[in-house]
PDB file of N, CA and C in Angstrom:
ATOM      1  N   MET A   1     121.512 -87.400 -13.767  1.00  0.00           N
ATOM      2  CA  MET A   1     121.163 -88.306 -12.679  1.00  0.00           C
ATOM      3  C   MET A   1     121.878 -87.955 -11.380  1.00  0.00           C
ATOM      4  N   ASP A   2     122.552 -86.809 -11.346  1.00  0.00           N
ATOM      5  CA  ASP A   2     123.158 -86.355 -10.096  1.00  0.00           C
ATOM      6  C   ASP A   2     122.093 -86.192  -9.014  1.00  0.00           C
ATOM      7  N   ALA A   3     120.910 -85.788  -9.419  1.00  0.00           N
ATOM      8  CA  ALA A   3     119.830 -85.590  -8.454  1.00  0.00           C
ATOM      9  C   ALA A   3     119.462 -86.910  -7.788  1.00  0.00           C
ATOM     10  N   LEU A   4     119.417 -87.972  -8.558  1.00  0.00           N
ATOM     11  CA  LEU A   4     119.063 -89.277  -8.008  1.00  0.00           C
ATOM     12  C   LEU A   4     120.101 -89.713  -6.975  1.00  0.00           C
ATOM     13  N   ALA A   5     121.372 -89.544  -7.276  1.00  0.00           N
ATOM     14  CA  ALA A   5     122.428 -89.894  -6.328  1.00  0.00           C
ATOM     15  C   ALA A   5     122.335 -89.017  -5.076  1.00  0.00           C
ATOM     16  N   ALA A   6     122.071 -87.740  -5.254  1.00  0.00           N
ATOM     17  CA  ALA A   6     121.960 -86.831  -4.106  1.00  0.00           C
ATOM     18  C   ALA A   6     120.782 -87.208  -3.217  1.00  0.00           C
ATOM     19  N   LEU A   7     119.703 -87.662  -3.812  1.00  0.00           N
ATOM     20  CA  LEU A   7     118.502 -88.002  -3.054  1.00  0.00           C
ATOM     21  C   LEU A   7     118.561 -89.385  -2.416  1.00  0.00           C
ATOM     22  N   ALA A   8     119.643 -90.110  -2.646  1.00  0.00           N
ATOM     23  CA  ALA A   8     119.776 -91.444  -2.058  1.00  0.00           C
ATOM     24  C   ALA A   8     119.916 -91.375  -0.544  1.00  0.00           C
ATOM     25  N   ASP A   9     120.344 -90.255  -0.023  1.00  0.00           N
ATOM     26  CA  ASP A   9     120.546 -90.108   1.414  1.00  0.00           C
ATOM     27  C   ASP A   9     119.268 -89.596   2.083  1.00  0.00           C
ATOM     28  N   PRO A  10     118.821 -90.232   3.166  1.00  0.00           N
ATOM     29  CA  PRO A  10     117.568 -89.809   3.814  1.00  0.00           C
ATOM     30  C   PRO A  10     117.612 -88.397   4.394  1.00  0.00           C
ATOM     31  N   VAL A  11     118.772 -87.953   4.876  1.00  0.00           N
ATOM     32  CA  VAL A  11     118.865 -86.592   5.405  1.00  0.00           C
ATOM     33  C   VAL A  11     118.660 -85.592   4.271  1.00  0.00           C
ATOM     34  N   ARG A  12     119.261 -85.864   3.121  1.00  0.00           N
ATOM     35  CA  ARG A  12     119.099 -84.945   1.980  1.00  0.00           C
ATOM     36  C   ARG A  12     117.658 -84.948   1.478  1.00  0.00           C
ATOM     37  N   ARG A  13     117.008 -86.108   1.496  1.00  0.00           N
ATOM     38  CA  ARG A  13     115.592 -86.137   1.099  1.00  0.00           C
ATOM     39  C   ARG A  13     114.761 -85.295   2.054  1.00  0.00           C
ATOM     40  N   GLU A  14     115.065 -85.375   3.356  1.00  0.00           N
ATOM     41  CA  GLU A  14     114.323 -84.569   4.333  1.00  0.00           C
ATOM     42  C   GLU A  14     114.606 -83.080   4.137  1.00  0.00           C
ATOM     43  N   LEU A  15     115.850 -82.731   3.824  1.00  0.00           N
ATOM     44  CA  LEU A  15     116.181 -81.337   3.545  1.00  0.00           C
ATOM     45  C   LEU A  15     115.387 -80.825   2.348  1.00  0.00           C
ATOM     46  N   VAL A  16     115.299 -81.627   1.298  1.00  0.00           N
ATOM     47  CA  VAL A  16     114.516 -81.240   0.112  1.00  0.00           C
ATOM     48  C   VAL A  16     113.057 -81.046   0.499  1.00  0.00           C
ATOM     49  N   GLY A  17     112.530 -81.921   1.338  1.00  0.00           N
ATOM     50  CA  GLY A  17     111.149 -81.786   1.785  1.00  0.00           C
ATOM     51  C   GLY A  17     110.924 -80.487   2.545  1.00  0.00           C
ATOM     52  N   LEU A  18     111.856 -80.134   3.394  1.00  0.00           N
ATOM     53  CA  LEU A  18     111.738 -78.874   4.143  1.00  0.00           C
ATOM     54  C   LEU A  18     111.818 -77.673   3.197  1.00  0.00           C
ATOM     55  N   LEU A  19     112.712 -77.746   2.231  1.00  0.00           N
ATOM     56  CA  LEU A  19     112.889 -76.628   1.303  1.00  0.00           C
ATOM     57  C   LEU A  19     111.743 -76.520   0.303  1.00  0.00           C
ATOM     58  N   ALA A  20     110.986 -77.592   0.137  1.00  0.00           N
ATOM     59  CA  ALA A  20     109.822 -77.536  -0.755  1.00  0.00           C
ATOM     60  C   ALA A  20     108.767 -76.578  -0.205  1.00  0.00           C
ATOM     61  N   GLN A  21     108.846 -76.287   1.092  1.00  0.00           N
ATOM     62  CA  GLN A  21     107.892 -75.384   1.729  1.00  0.00           C
ATOM     63  C   GLN A  21     108.303 -73.922   1.596  1.00  0.00           C
ATOM     64  N   GLY A  22     109.524 -73.693   1.119  1.00  0.00           N
ATOM     65  CA  GLY A  22     110.003 -72.326   0.944  1.00  0.00           C
ATOM     66  C   GLY A  22     111.441 -72.167   1.391  1.00  0.00           C
ATOM     67  N   GLU A  23     111.950 -70.976   1.201  1.00  0.00           N
ATOM     68  CA  GLU A  23     113.331 -70.654   1.532  1.00  0.00           C
ATOM     69  C   GLU A  23     113.569 -70.742   3.043  1.00  0.00           C
ATOM     70  N   VAL A  24     114.717 -71.334   3.423  1.00  0.00           N
ATOM     71  CA  VAL A  24     115.024 -71.534   4.843  1.00  0.00           C
ATOM     72  C   VAL A  24     116.501 -71.201   5.087  1.00  0.00           C
ATOM     73  N   PRO A  25     116.805 -70.483   6.168  1.00  0.00           N
ATOM     74  CA  PRO A  25     118.204 -70.216   6.504  1.00  0.00           C
ATOM     75  C   PRO A  25     118.937 -71.514   6.875  1.00  0.00           C
ATOM     76  N   ALA A  26     120.223 -71.577   6.533  1.00  0.00           N
ATOM     77  CA  ALA A  26     121.024 -72.770   6.807  1.00  0.00           C
ATOM     78  C   ALA A  26     121.002 -73.134   8.287  1.00  0.00           C
ATOM     79  N   GLY A  27     121.118 -72.159   9.164  1.00  0.00           N
ATOM     80  CA  GLY A  27     121.121 -72.435  10.597  1.00  0.00           C
ATOM     81  C   GLY A  27     119.830 -73.067  11.072  1.00  0.00           C
ATOM     82  N   GLU A  28     118.720 -72.606  10.522  1.00  0.00           N
ATOM     83  CA  GLU A  28     117.421 -73.180  10.896  1.00  0.00           C
ATOM     84  C   GLU A  28     117.315 -74.627  10.412  1.00  0.00           C
ATOM     85  N   LEU A  29     117.836 -74.891   9.222  1.00  0.00           N
ATOM     86  CA  LEU A  29     117.848 -76.272   8.721  1.00  0.00           C
ATOM     87  C   LEU A  29     118.681 -77.152   9.643  1.00  0.00           C
ATOM     88  N   ALA A  30     119.865 -76.665  10.005  1.00  0.00           N
ATOM     89  CA  ALA A  30     120.767 -77.448  10.852  1.00  0.00           C
ATOM     90  C   ALA A  30     120.141 -77.750  12.212  1.00  0.00           C
ATOM     91  N   ASP A  31     119.357 -76.822  12.736  1.00  0.00           N
ATOM     92  CA  ASP A  31     118.728 -77.017  14.047  1.00  0.00           C
ATOM     93  C   ASP A  31     117.698 -78.144  14.043  1.00  0.00           C
ATOM     94  N   ARG A  32     117.239 -78.536  12.895  1.00  0.00           N
ATOM     95  CA  ARG A  32     116.184 -79.565  12.806  1.00  0.00           C
ATOM     96  C   ARG A  32     116.728 -80.994  12.773  1.00  0.00           C
ATOM     97  N   PHE A  33     118.051 -81.134  12.774  1.00  0.00           N
ATOM     98  CA  PHE A  33     118.648 -82.466  12.631  1.00  0.00           C
ATOM     99  C   PHE A  33     119.586 -82.769  13.786  1.00  0.00           C
ATOM    100  N   PRO A  34     119.649 -84.055  14.187  1.00  0.00           N
ATOM    101  CA  PRO A  34     120.527 -84.445  15.293  1.00  0.00           C
ATOM    102  C   PRO A  34     121.959 -84.718  14.828  1.00  0.00           C
ATOM    103  N   VAL A  35     122.418 -83.977  13.824  1.00  0.00           N
ATOM    104  CA  VAL A  35     123.793 -84.109  13.339  1.00  0.00           C
ATOM    105  C   VAL A  35     124.449 -82.737  13.405  1.00  0.00           C
ATOM    106  N   SER A  36     125.741 -82.714  13.222  1.00  0.00           N
ATOM    107  CA  SER A  36     126.476 -81.454  13.351  1.00  0.00           C
ATOM    108  C   SER A  36     126.153 -80.486  12.209  1.00  0.00           C
ATOM    109  N   ARG A  37     126.384 -79.220  12.477  1.00  0.00           N
ATOM    110  CA  ARG A  37     126.202 -78.196  11.437  1.00  0.00           C
ATOM    111  C   ARG A  37     127.108 -78.449  10.239  1.00  0.00           C
ATOM    112  N   PRO A  38     128.376 -78.848  10.451  1.00  0.00           N
ATOM    113  CA  PRO A  38     129.204 -79.158   9.279  1.00  0.00           C
ATOM    114  C   PRO A  38     128.633 -80.308   8.434  1.00  0.00           C
ATOM    115  N   ALA A  39     128.003 -81.279   9.083  1.00  0.00           N
ATOM    116  CA  ALA A  39     127.392 -82.387   8.335  1.00  0.00           C
ATOM    117  C   ALA A  39     126.240 -81.866   7.473  1.00  0.00           C
ATOM    118  N   ILE A  40     125.407 -80.998   8.040  1.00  0.00           N
ATOM    119  CA  ILE A  40     124.301 -80.420   7.270  1.00  0.00           C
ATOM    120  C   ILE A  40     124.855 -79.563   6.141  1.00  0.00           C
ATOM    121  N   SER A  41     125.913 -78.855   6.400  1.00  0.00           N
ATOM    122  CA  SER A  41     126.551 -78.044   5.370  1.00  0.00           C
ATOM    123  C   SER A  41     127.016 -78.917   4.202  1.00  0.00           C
ATOM    124  N   ARG A  42     127.590 -80.076   4.515  1.00  0.00           N
ATOM    125  CA  ARG A  42     128.029 -80.999   3.449  1.00  0.00           C
ATOM    126  C   ARG A  42     126.827 -81.520   2.664  1.00  0.00           C
ATOM    127  N   HIS A  43     125.740 -81.862   3.369  1.00  0.00           N
ATOM    128  CA  HIS A  43     124.529 -82.328   2.679  1.00  0.00           C
ATOM    129  C   HIS A  43     123.989 -81.237   1.754  1.00  0.00           C
ATOM    130  N   LEU A  44     123.975 -80.010   2.233  1.00  0.00           N
ATOM    131  CA  LEU A  44     123.486 -78.902   1.413  1.00  0.00           C
ATOM    132  C   LEU A  44     124.389 -78.672   0.202  1.00  0.00           C
ATOM    133  N   ARG A  45     125.692 -78.857   0.392  1.00  0.00           N
ATOM    134  CA  ARG A  45     126.618 -78.719  -0.738  1.00  0.00           C
ATOM    135  C   ARG A  45     126.330 -79.774  -1.806  1.00  0.00           C
ATOM    136  N   VAL A  46     126.096 -81.011  -1.393  1.00  0.00           N
ATOM    137  CA  VAL A  46     125.776 -82.079  -2.346  1.00  0.00           C
ATOM    138  C   VAL A  46     124.495 -81.727  -3.112  1.00  0.00           C
ATOM    139  N   LEU A  47     123.491 -81.255  -2.395  1.00  0.00           N
ATOM    140  CA  LEU A  47     122.230 -80.874  -3.048  1.00  0.00           C
ATOM    141  C   LEU A  47     122.438 -79.699  -4.002  1.00  0.00           C
ATOM    142  N   ARG A  48     123.267 -78.754  -3.609  1.00  0.00           N
ATOM    143  CA  ARG A  48     123.559 -77.600  -4.463  1.00  0.00           C
ATOM    144  C   ARG A  48     124.307 -78.036  -5.719  1.00  0.00           C
ATOM    145  N   GLU A  49     125.301 -78.898  -5.559  1.00  0.00           N
ATOM    146  CA  GLU A  49     126.075 -79.381  -6.707  1.00  0.00           C
ATOM    147  C   GLU A  49     125.224 -80.214  -7.658  1.00  0.00           C
ATOM    148  N   ALA A  50     124.191 -80.864  -7.134  1.00  0.00           N
ATOM    149  CA  ALA A  50     123.268 -81.639  -7.979  1.00  0.00           C
ATOM    150  C   ALA A  50     122.205 -80.741  -8.615  1.00  0.00           C
ATOM    151  N   GLY A  51     122.222 -79.459  -8.267  1.00  0.00           N
ATOM    152  CA  GLY A  51     121.260 -78.517  -8.830  1.00  0.00           C
ATOM    153  C   GLY A  51     119.905 -78.528  -8.165  1.00  0.00           C
ATOM    154  N   LEU A  52     119.791 -79.216  -7.038  1.00  0.00           N
ATOM    155  CA  LEU A  52     118.500 -79.335  -6.360  1.00  0.00           C
ATOM    156  C   LEU A  52     118.160 -78.144  -5.473  1.00  0.00           C
ATOM    157  N   VAL A  53     119.170 -77.434  -5.016  1.00  0.00           N
ATOM    158  CA  VAL A  53     118.923 -76.263  -4.181  1.00  0.00           C
ATOM    159  C   VAL A  53     119.763 -75.090  -4.667  1.00  0.00           C
ATOM    160  N   THR A  54     119.278 -73.910  -4.352  1.00  0.00           N
ATOM    161  CA  THR A  54     120.029 -72.685  -4.609  1.00  0.00           C
ATOM    162  C   THR A  54     120.301 -72.040  -3.260  1.00  0.00           C
ATOM    163  N   VAL A  55     121.288 -71.178  -3.233  1.00  0.00           N
ATOM    164  CA  VAL A  55     121.626 -70.473  -2.004  1.00  0.00           C
ATOM    165  C   VAL A  55     121.873 -69.015  -2.337  1.00  0.00           C
ATOM    166  N   ARG A  56     121.427 -68.152  -1.431  1.00  0.00           N
ATOM    167  CA  ARG A  56     121.704 -66.734  -1.601  1.00  0.00           C
ATOM    168  C   ARG A  56     122.091 -66.169  -0.237  1.00  0.00           C
ATOM    169  N   ALA A  57     122.945 -65.189  -0.284  1.00  0.00           N
ATOM    170  CA  ALA A  57     123.404 -64.555   0.946  1.00  0.00           C
ATOM    171  C   ALA A  57     122.483 -63.399   1.299  1.00  0.00           C
ATOM    172  N   GLU A  58     122.204 -63.293   2.579  1.00  0.00           N
ATOM    173  CA  GLU A  58     121.455 -62.156   3.122  1.00  0.00           C
ATOM    174  C   GLU A  58     122.193 -61.760   4.398  1.00  0.00           C
ATOM    175  N   GLY A  59     123.115 -60.817   4.254  1.00  0.00           N
ATOM    176  CA  GLY A  59     123.990 -60.488   5.375  1.00  0.00           C
ATOM    177  C   GLY A  59     124.876 -61.682   5.664  1.00  0.00           C
ATOM    178  N   LYS A  60     124.897 -62.109   6.926  1.00  0.00           N
ATOM    179  CA  LYS A  60     125.699 -63.280   7.301  1.00  0.00           C
ATOM    180  C   LYS A  60     124.964 -64.596   7.070  1.00  0.00           C
ATOM    181  N   ARG A  61     123.679 -64.501   6.835  1.00  0.00           N
ATOM    182  CA  ARG A  61     122.875 -65.722   6.666  1.00  0.00           C
ATOM    183  C   ARG A  61     122.955 -66.251   5.237  1.00  0.00           C
ATOM    184  N   ARG A  62     122.820 -67.569   5.113  1.00  0.00           N
ATOM    185  CA  ARG A  62     122.713 -68.237   3.815  1.00  0.00           C
ATOM    186  C   ARG A  62     121.317 -68.831   3.748  1.00  0.00           C
ATOM    187  N   LEU A  63     120.566 -68.411   2.751  1.00  0.00           N
ATOM    188  CA  LEU A  63     119.186 -68.872   2.588  1.00  0.00           C
ATOM    189  C   LEU A  63     119.137 -69.893   1.457  1.00  0.00           C
ATOM    190  N   TYR A  64     118.583 -71.049   1.760  1.00  0.00           N
ATOM    191  CA  TYR A  64     118.488 -72.130   0.783  1.00  0.00           C
ATOM    192  C   TYR A  64     117.054 -72.257   0.288  1.00  0.00           C
ATOM    193  N   ALA A  65     116.949 -72.593  -0.991  1.00  0.00           N
ATOM    194  CA  ALA A  65     115.638 -72.795  -1.611  1.00  0.00           C
ATOM    195  C   ALA A  65     115.724 -73.983  -2.560  1.00  0.00           C
ATOM    196  N   LEU A  66     114.624 -74.639  -2.756  1.00  0.00           N
ATOM    197  CA  LEU A  66     114.544 -75.774  -3.669  1.00  0.00           C
ATOM    198  C   LEU A  66     114.511 -75.278  -5.110  1.00  0.00           C
ATOM    199  N   ASP A  67     115.271 -75.936  -5.975  1.00  0.00           N
ATOM    200  CA  ASP A  67     115.172 -75.729  -7.422  1.00  0.00           C
ATOM    201  C   ASP A  67     114.546 -76.998  -7.980  1.00  0.00           C
ATOM    202  N   PRO A  68     113.289 -76.960  -8.410  1.00  0.00           N
ATOM    203  CA  PRO A  68     112.596 -78.183  -8.827  1.00  0.00           C
ATOM    204  C   PRO A  68     113.006 -78.726 -10.195  1.00  0.00           C
ATOM    205  N   THR A  69     113.851 -78.029 -10.931  1.00  0.00           N
ATOM    206  CA  THR A  69     114.211 -78.466 -12.288  1.00  0.00           C
ATOM    207  C   THR A  69     114.744 -79.899 -12.329  1.00  0.00           C
ATOM    208  N   PRO A  70     115.725 -80.269 -11.497  1.00  0.00           N
ATOM    209  CA  PRO A  70     116.198 -81.659 -11.544  1.00  0.00           C
ATOM    210  C   PRO A  70     115.131 -82.675 -11.157  1.00  0.00           C
ATOM    211  N   LEU A  71     114.198 -82.281 -10.291  1.00  0.00           N
ATOM    212  CA  LEU A  71     113.112 -83.193  -9.924  1.00  0.00           C
ATOM    213  C   LEU A  71     112.181 -83.422 -11.106  1.00  0.00           C
ATOM    214  N   ARG A  72     111.945 -82.367 -11.891  1.00  0.00           N
ATOM    215  CA  ARG A  72     111.129 -82.533 -13.104  1.00  0.00           C
ATOM    216  C   ARG A  72     111.819 -83.471 -14.084  1.00  0.00           C
ATOM    217  N   GLU A  73     113.129 -83.311 -14.224  1.00  0.00           N
ATOM    218  CA  GLU A  73     113.886 -84.186 -15.122  1.00  0.00           C
ATOM    219  C   GLU A  73     113.825 -85.633 -14.645  1.00  0.00           C
ATOM    220  N   LEU A  74     113.925 -85.840 -13.345  1.00  0.00           N
ATOM    221  CA  LEU A  74     113.818 -87.176 -12.778  1.00  0.00           C
ATOM    222  C   LEU A  74     112.418 -87.742 -12.989  1.00  0.00           C
ATOM    223  N   ASP A  75     111.410 -86.907 -12.817  1.00  0.00           N
ATOM    224  CA  ASP A  75     110.025 -87.314 -13.056  1.00  0.00           C
ATOM    225  C   ASP A  75     109.831 -87.734 -14.516  1.00  0.00           C
ATOM    226  N   ASP A  76     110.399 -86.974 -15.444  1.00  0.00           N
ATOM    227  CA  ASP A  76     110.318 -87.331 -16.864  1.00  0.00           C
ATOM    228  C   ASP A  76     110.985 -88.675 -17.128  1.00  0.00           C
ATOM    229  N   TRP A  77     112.123 -88.908 -16.476  1.00  0.00           N
ATOM    230  CA  TRP A  77     112.841 -90.163 -16.660  1.00  0.00           C
ATOM    231  C   TRP A  77     112.034 -91.349 -16.120  1.00  0.00           C
ATOM    232  N   LEU A  78     111.301 -91.138 -15.029  1.00  0.00           N
ATOM    233  CA  LEU A  78     110.505 -92.205 -14.415  1.00  0.00           C
ATOM    234  C   LEU A  78     109.199 -92.489 -15.152  1.00  0.00           C
ATOM    235  N   GLU A  79     108.751 -91.574 -15.973  1.00  0.00           N
ATOM    236  CA  GLU A  79     107.451 -91.694 -16.651  1.00  0.00           C
ATOM    237  C   GLU A  79     107.222 -93.061 -17.306  1.00  0.00           C
ATOM    238  N   PRO A  80     108.162 -93.608 -18.078  1.00  0.00           N
ATOM    239  CA  PRO A  80     107.897 -94.896 -18.729  1.00  0.00           C
ATOM    240  C   PRO A  80     107.640 -96.050 -17.766  1.00  0.00           C
ATOM    241  N   TYR A  81     108.056 -95.905 -16.536  1.00  0.00           N
ATOM    242  CA  TYR A  81     107.903 -96.982 -15.563  1.00  0.00           C
ATOM    243  C   TYR A  81     106.578 -96.924 -14.805  1.00  0.00           C
ATOM    244  N   ARG A  82     105.859 -95.824 -14.934  1.00  0.00           N
ATOM    245  CA  ARG A  82     104.603 -95.682 -14.187  1.00  0.00           C
ATOM    246  C   ARG A  82     103.566 -96.722 -14.590  1.00  0.00           C
ATOM    247  N   ASP A  83     103.441 -97.007 -15.880  1.00  0.00           N
ATOM    248  CA  ASP A  83     102.469 -98.003 -16.329  1.00  0.00           C
ATOM    249  C   ASP A  83     102.794 -99.377 -15.748  1.00  0.00           C
ATOM    250  N   LEU A  84     104.088 -99.696 -15.689  1.00  0.00           N
ATOM    251  CA  LEU A  84     104.504-100.977 -15.109  1.00  0.00           C
ATOM    252  C   LEU A  84     104.019-101.089 -13.667  1.00  0.00           C
ATOM    253  N   TRP A  85     104.267-100.049 -12.858  1.00  0.00           N
ATOM    254  CA  TRP A  85     103.846-100.086 -11.469  1.00  0.00           C
ATOM    255  C   TRP A  85     102.340-100.023 -11.333  1.00  0.00           C
ATOM    256  N   ALA A  86     101.690 -99.255 -12.186  1.00  0.00           N
ATOM    257  CA  ALA A  86     100.231 -99.145 -12.105  1.00  0.00           C
ATOM    258  C   ALA A  86      99.588-100.510 -12.344  1.00  0.00           C
ATOM    259  N   SER A  87     100.069-101.248 -13.346  1.00  0.00           N
ATOM    260  CA  SER A  87      99.472-102.554 -13.631  1.00  0.00           C
ATOM    261  C   SER A  87      99.725-103.530 -12.487  1.00  0.00           C
ATOM    262  N   ARG A  88     100.890-103.463 -11.872  1.00  0.00           N
ATOM    263  CA  ARG A  88     101.182-104.354 -10.740  1.00  0.00           C
ATOM    264  C   ARG A  88     100.331-103.994  -9.527  1.00  0.00           C
ATOM    265  N   LEU A  89     100.132-102.717  -9.297  1.00  0.00           N
ATOM    266  CA  LEU A  89      99.287-102.304  -8.175  1.00  0.00           C
ATOM    267  C   LEU A  89      97.827-102.659  -8.433  1.00  0.00           C
ATOM    268  N   ASP A  90      97.386-102.562  -9.681  1.00  0.00           N
ATOM    269  CA  ASP A  90      96.019-102.977 -10.023  1.00  0.00           C
ATOM    270  C   ASP A  90      95.833-104.469  -9.764  1.00  0.00           C
ATOM    271  N   ALA A  91      96.830-105.263 -10.136  1.00  0.00           N
ATOM    272  CA  ALA A  91      96.755-106.710  -9.905  1.00  0.00           C
ATOM    273  C   ALA A  91      96.716-107.014  -8.411  1.00  0.00           C
ATOM    274  N   LEU A  92      97.509-106.292  -7.630  1.00  0.00           N
ATOM    275  CA  LEU A  92      97.502-106.474  -6.175  1.00  0.00           C
ATOM    276  C   LEU A  92      96.139-106.106  -5.603  1.00  0.00           C
ATOM    277  N   ASP A  93      95.556-105.021  -6.066  1.00  0.00           N
ATOM    278  CA  ASP A  93      94.233-104.598  -5.608  1.00  0.00           C
ATOM    279  C   ASP A  93      93.191-105.673  -5.916  1.00  0.00           C
ATOM    280  N   THR A  94      93.288-106.277  -7.096  1.00  0.00           N
ATOM    281  CA  THR A  94      92.355-107.340  -7.476  1.00  0.00           C
ATOM    282  C   THR A  94      92.484-108.534  -6.532  1.00  0.00           C
ATOM    283  N   GLU A  95      93.708-108.923  -6.216  1.00  0.00           N
ATOM    284  CA  GLU A  95      93.921-110.065  -5.312  1.00  0.00           C
ATOM    285  C   GLU A  95      93.433-109.759  -3.901  1.00  0.00           C
ATOM    286  N   ILE A  96      93.626-108.563  -3.436  1.00  0.00           N
ATOM    287  CA  ILE A  96      93.142-108.180  -2.102  1.00  0.00           C
ATOM    288  C   ILE A  96      91.616-108.239  -2.064  1.00  0.00           C
ATOM    289  N   ALA A  97      90.986-107.703  -3.099  1.00  0.00           N
ATOM    290  CA  ALA A  97      89.520-107.731  -3.163  1.00  0.00           C
ATOM    291  C   ALA A  97      89.010-109.174  -3.228  1.00  0.00           C
ATOM    292  N   ARG A  98      89.681-110.015  -3.986  1.00  0.00           N
ATOM    293  CA  ARG A  98      89.289-111.426  -4.097  1.00  0.00           C
ATOM    294  C   ARG A  98      89.379-112.102  -2.725  1.00  0.00           C
ATOM    295  N   GLY A  99      90.442-111.835  -1.968  1.00  0.00           N
ATOM    296  CA  GLY A  99      90.600-112.413  -0.632  1.00  0.00           C
ATOM    297  C   GLY A  99      89.521-111.936   0.327  1.00  0.00           C
ATOM    298  N   ARG A 100      89.153-110.658   0.248  1.00  0.00           N
ATOM    299  CA  ARG A 100      88.087-110.126   1.115  1.00  0.00           C
ATOM    300  C   ARG A 100      86.748-110.786   0.802  1.00  0.00           C
ATOM    301  N   ARG A 101      86.447-110.925  -0.485  1.00  0.00           N
ATOM    302  CA  ARG A 101      85.179-111.579  -0.871  1.00  0.00           C
ATOM    303  C   ARG A 101      85.148-113.011  -0.373  1.00  0.00           C
ATOM    304  N   ALA A 102      86.269-113.717  -0.513  1.00  0.00           N
ATOM    305  CA  ALA A 102      86.324-115.115  -0.074  1.00  0.00           C
ATOM    306  C   ALA A 102      86.097-115.225   1.433  1.00  0.00           C
ATOM    307  N   ARG A 103      86.708-114.308   2.220  1.00  0.00           N
ATOM    308  CA  ARG A 103      86.525-114.362   3.667  1.00  0.00           C
ATOM    309  C   ARG A 103      85.067-114.067   4.037  1.00  0.00           C
ATOM    310  N   ARG A 104      84.450-113.116   3.351  1.00  0.00           N
ATOM    311  CA  ARG A 104      83.048-112.785   3.647  1.00  0.00           C
ATOM    312  C   ARG A 104      82.126-113.955   3.341  1.00  0.00           C
ATOM    313  N   ASN A 105      82.481-114.723   2.315  1.00  0.00           N
ATOM    314  CA  ASN A 105      81.652-115.861   1.922  1.00  0.00           C
ATOM    315  C   ASN A 105      82.054-117.160   2.605  1.00  0.00           C
ATOM    316  N   GLY A 106      83.021-117.071   3.535  1.00  0.00           N
ATOM    317  CA  GLY A 106      83.448-118.258   4.269  1.00  0.00           C
ATOM    318  C   GLY A 106      84.298-119.213   3.452  1.00  0.00           C
ATOM    319  N   GLU A 107      84.813-118.747   2.333  1.00  0.00           N
ATOM    320  CA  GLU A 107      85.651-119.598   1.476  1.00  0.00           C
ATOM    321  C   GLU A 107      87.111-119.447   1.890  1.00  0.00           C
ATOM    322  N   PRO A 108      87.930-120.444   1.600  1.00  0.00           N
ATOM    323  CA  PRO A 108      89.373-120.274   1.861  1.00  0.00           C
ATOM    324  C   PRO A 108      89.936-119.228   0.908  1.00  0.00           C
ATOM    325  N   ALA A 109      90.802-118.380   1.402  1.00  0.00           N
ATOM    326  CA  ALA A 109      91.373-117.294   0.588  1.00  0.00           C
ATOM    327  C   ALA A 109      92.371-117.788  -0.405  1.00  0.00           C
TER     328      ALA A 109
END
């Protein structure tokens, strides 16, 4: 569950989203955020320690890439809860449709 704790921060979630598109140099990642480079470096370290990203050196550059393994594990952990949410969303959809029908027929919702 280290991945879940790492993803609790919105900056780290955005970093994961950027890395989902492919490998990105650390400097380029840092340029996309209104925080300091050391702050981005700390966020990347947390993601690396949680196993969510990998890093490789290319000369002086550090290239980061997403490792989806912890996300798959998190997805597996969430699986039992999907039916719960699906049934609640289905019930909400039914109530919304009922309200629309009532308004069309001039009935109180």
